[in-house]
Amino acid sequence: MNLNLISCDAQRPDKRGIAKCIAEVSVNMSESLSNELTEILLEGDAVAIEMEDKNAGSGLRALRKLDVDYEIIE
């Protein structure tokens, strides 16, 4: 499943939490790359990631909890 992470609406975003979440739910994502993608996301640009299907439900729930807006790309 491919996701487009659009923005983070949290007043005080949890950078470490978002980066950890991205690294855990993504396919073959290193911790350093997830940190870079988190910075890009928080600067206001969209980020595309590939998500493992088996973690889809819990991964999407974790992103919503961190106030990350996303769209599913087929």
N, C-alpha and C. Protein backbone atom coordinates (compact mmCIF):
# COMPACT_ATOMS: atom_id res chain seq x y z
N MET A 1 0.85 -1.17 0.00
CA MET A 1 0.00 0.00 0.00
C MET A 1 0.90 1.24 0.00
N ASN A 2 0.60 2.17 -0.87
CA ASN A 2 1.36 3.42 -0.94
C ASN A 2 0.57 4.54 -0.28
N LEU A 3 1.28 5.35 0.49
CA LEU A 3 0.66 6.49 1.17
C LEU A 3 1.36 7.77 0.77
N ASN A 4 0.59 8.83 0.71
CA ASN A 4 1.13 10.16 0.52
C ASN A 4 0.86 10.91 1.82
N LEU A 5 1.92 11.16 2.59
CA LEU A 5 1.77 11.92 3.83
C LEU A 5 1.72 13.39 3.46
N ILE A 6 0.61 14.02 3.75
CA ILE A 6 0.35 15.37 3.26
C ILE A 6 0.85 16.45 4.21
N SER A 7 0.47 16.34 5.48
CA SER A 7 0.84 17.37 6.45
C SER A 7 0.68 16.85 7.86
N CYS A 8 1.16 17.63 8.81
CA CYS A 8 0.98 17.32 10.22
C CYS A 8 0.32 18.54 10.86
N ASP A 9 -0.88 18.34 11.41
CA ASP A 9 -1.65 19.45 11.96
C ASP A 9 -1.45 19.67 13.45
N ALA A 10 -0.55 18.92 14.05
CA ALA A 10 -0.33 19.06 15.49
C ALA A 10 0.29 20.42 15.80
N GLN A 11 -0.15 21.02 16.91
CA GLN A 11 0.40 22.31 17.29
C GLN A 11 1.88 22.20 17.63
N ARG A 12 2.25 21.13 18.34
CA ARG A 12 3.65 20.86 18.65
C ARG A 12 3.95 19.43 18.20
N PRO A 13 4.32 19.25 16.93
CA PRO A 13 4.51 17.90 16.40
C PRO A 13 5.65 17.15 17.10
N ASP A 14 5.44 15.87 17.30
CA ASP A 14 6.42 14.98 17.92
C ASP A 14 7.32 14.42 16.81
N LYS A 15 8.43 15.11 16.54
CA LYS A 15 9.31 14.71 15.44
C LYS A 15 9.83 13.29 15.62
N ARG A 16 10.27 12.98 16.81
CA ARG A 16 10.82 11.65 17.07
C ARG A 16 9.73 10.58 16.90
N GLY A 17 8.53 10.86 17.39
CA GLY A 17 7.43 9.90 17.26
C GLY A 17 7.02 9.68 15.82
N ILE A 18 6.97 10.75 15.04
CA ILE A 18 6.60 10.63 13.63
C ILE A 18 7.66 9.85 12.87
N ALA A 19 8.92 10.16 13.10
CA ALA A 19 10.01 9.45 12.42
C ALA A 19 10.01 7.97 12.78
N LYS A 20 9.78 7.65 14.04
CA LYS A 20 9.74 6.26 14.48
C LYS A 20 8.57 5.54 13.83
N CYS A 21 7.43 6.19 13.77
CA CYS A 21 6.24 5.61 13.16
C CYS A 21 6.47 5.33 11.67
N ILE A 22 7.05 6.28 10.97
CA ILE A 22 7.34 6.11 9.55
C ILE A 22 8.29 4.93 9.34
N ALA A 23 9.32 4.85 10.17
CA ALA A 23 10.30 3.76 10.04
C ALA A 23 9.67 2.40 10.31
N GLU A 24 8.76 2.33 11.27
CA GLU A 24 8.15 1.06 11.64
C GLU A 24 7.14 0.55 10.61
N VAL A 25 6.37 1.44 10.03
CA VAL A 25 5.31 1.00 9.12
C VAL A 25 5.75 0.91 7.66
N SER A 26 6.88 1.51 7.33
CA SER A 26 7.33 1.53 5.94
C SER A 26 8.12 0.28 5.58
N VAL A 27 8.15 0.00 4.29
CA VAL A 27 8.91 -1.12 3.76
C VAL A 27 10.35 -0.64 3.53
N ASN A 28 11.30 -1.34 4.13
CA ASN A 28 12.74 -1.06 3.93
C ASN A 28 13.11 0.40 4.15
N MET A 29 12.72 0.96 5.30
CA MET A 29 13.00 2.36 5.61
C MET A 29 14.02 2.41 6.75
N SER A 30 15.12 3.11 6.51
CA SER A 30 16.12 3.27 7.57
C SER A 30 15.69 4.39 8.50
N GLU A 31 16.28 4.40 9.67
CA GLU A 31 15.94 5.42 10.65
C GLU A 31 16.37 6.81 10.18
N SER A 32 17.53 6.90 9.53
CA SER A 32 18.00 8.21 9.06
C SER A 32 17.10 8.76 7.95
N LEU A 33 16.64 7.87 7.06
CA LEU A 33 15.74 8.32 6.00
C LEU A 33 14.40 8.76 6.57
N SER A 34 13.90 8.05 7.57
CA SER A 34 12.63 8.44 8.18
C SER A 34 12.76 9.79 8.88
N ASN A 35 13.93 10.09 9.46
CA ASN A 35 14.16 11.40 10.06
C ASN A 35 14.14 12.50 9.00
N GLU A 36 14.78 12.24 7.85
CA GLU A 36 14.78 13.22 6.76
C GLU A 36 13.37 13.46 6.23
N LEU A 37 12.61 12.37 6.04
CA LEU A 37 11.25 12.51 5.53
C LEU A 37 10.36 13.25 6.53
N THR A 38 10.59 13.05 7.82
CA THR A 38 9.83 13.77 8.84
C THR A 38 10.10 15.27 8.76
N GLU A 39 11.36 15.64 8.58
CA GLU A 39 11.71 17.06 8.43
C GLU A 39 11.03 17.66 7.21
N ILE A 40 11.04 16.94 6.10
CA ILE A 40 10.40 17.42 4.87
C ILE A 40 8.89 17.59 5.10
N LEU A 41 8.28 16.61 5.76
CA LEU A 41 6.84 16.68 6.05
C LEU A 41 6.51 17.88 6.92
N LEU A 42 7.30 18.11 7.95
CA LEU A 42 7.02 19.21 8.87
C LEU A 42 7.31 20.58 8.26
N GLU A 43 8.11 20.61 7.19
CA GLU A 43 8.35 21.87 6.48
C GLU A 43 7.19 22.21 5.55
N GLY A 44 6.27 21.25 5.33
CA GLY A 44 5.08 21.53 4.55
C GLY A 44 4.99 20.81 3.22
N ASP A 45 5.96 19.97 2.90
CA ASP A 45 5.92 19.23 1.64
C ASP A 45 5.38 17.82 1.88
N ALA A 46 4.71 17.29 0.88
CA ALA A 46 4.16 15.93 0.97
C ALA A 46 5.28 14.91 0.80
N VAL A 47 5.10 13.75 1.42
CA VAL A 47 6.08 12.67 1.38
C VAL A 47 5.36 11.38 1.02
N ALA A 48 5.92 10.61 0.09
CA ALA A 48 5.33 9.33 -0.30
C ALA A 48 6.11 8.20 0.35
N ILE A 49 5.38 7.23 0.93
CA ILE A 49 6.01 6.06 1.51
C ILE A 49 5.26 4.81 1.06
N GLU A 50 5.94 3.67 1.11
CA GLU A 50 5.31 2.38 0.85
C GLU A 50 5.12 1.69 2.19
N MET A 51 3.91 1.26 2.44
CA MET A 51 3.55 0.67 3.73
C MET A 51 3.29 -0.82 3.57
N GLU A 52 3.72 -1.60 4.56
CA GLU A 52 3.45 -3.03 4.54
C GLU A 52 1.96 -3.25 4.77
N ASP A 53 1.35 -4.11 3.96
CA ASP A 53 -0.09 -4.36 4.07
C ASP A 53 -0.48 -4.98 5.41
N LYS A 54 0.40 -5.79 5.98
CA LYS A 54 0.06 -6.44 7.24
C LYS A 54 -0.01 -5.47 8.41
N ASN A 55 0.65 -4.32 8.29
CA ASN A 55 0.63 -3.31 9.34
C ASN A 55 -0.28 -2.15 9.02
N ALA A 56 -1.09 -2.26 7.99
CA ALA A 56 -1.87 -1.12 7.50
C ALA A 56 -2.79 -0.52 8.55
N GLY A 57 -3.59 -1.34 9.21
CA GLY A 57 -4.55 -0.81 10.18
C GLY A 57 -3.89 -0.10 11.33
N SER A 58 -2.92 -0.74 11.96
CA SER A 58 -2.26 -0.13 13.11
C SER A 58 -1.38 1.04 12.69
N GLY A 59 -0.77 0.95 11.49
CA GLY A 59 0.06 2.05 11.00
C GLY A 59 -0.74 3.30 10.72
N LEU A 60 -1.90 3.14 10.09
CA LEU A 60 -2.76 4.29 9.80
C LEU A 60 -3.29 4.91 11.09
N ARG A 61 -3.61 4.06 12.05
CA ARG A 61 -4.09 4.55 13.35
C ARG A 61 -2.99 5.34 14.06
N ALA A 62 -1.75 4.87 13.99
CA ALA A 62 -0.62 5.57 14.62
C ALA A 62 -0.39 6.92 13.96
N LEU A 63 -0.50 6.99 12.64
CA LEU A 63 -0.33 8.26 11.93
C LEU A 63 -1.42 9.25 12.32
N ARG A 64 -2.67 8.77 12.42
CA ARG A 64 -3.76 9.66 12.83
C ARG A 64 -3.55 10.18 14.25
N LYS A 65 -3.04 9.33 15.12
CA LYS A 65 -2.80 9.73 16.51
C LYS A 65 -1.74 10.83 16.59
N LEU A 66 -0.80 10.82 15.64
CA LEU A 66 0.25 11.84 15.58
C LEU A 66 -0.20 13.07 14.78
N ASP A 67 -1.48 13.12 14.39
CA ASP A 67 -2.07 14.21 13.60
C ASP A 67 -1.42 14.38 12.22
N VAL A 68 -1.03 13.26 11.62
CA VAL A 68 -0.48 13.28 10.27
C VAL A 68 -1.60 12.99 9.29
N ASP A 69 -1.84 13.92 8.37
CA ASP A 69 -2.85 13.73 7.33
C ASP A 69 -2.21 12.96 6.18
N TYR A 70 -2.95 12.01 5.63
CA TYR A 70 -2.42 11.17 4.55
C TYR A 70 -3.53 10.86 3.56
N GLU A 71 -3.10 10.38 2.40
CA GLU A 71 -4.03 9.86 1.42
C GLU A 71 -3.46 8.54 0.91
N ILE A 72 -4.34 7.60 0.64
CA ILE A 72 -3.94 6.29 0.15
C ILE A 72 -3.85 6.35 -1.36
N ILE A 73 -2.73 5.90 -1.90
CA ILE A 73 -2.50 5.88 -3.34
C ILE A 73 -2.55 4.44 -3.79
N GLU A 74 -3.38 4.15 -4.75
CA GLU A 74 -3.53 2.76 -5.23
C GLU A 74 -2.46 2.41 -6.22
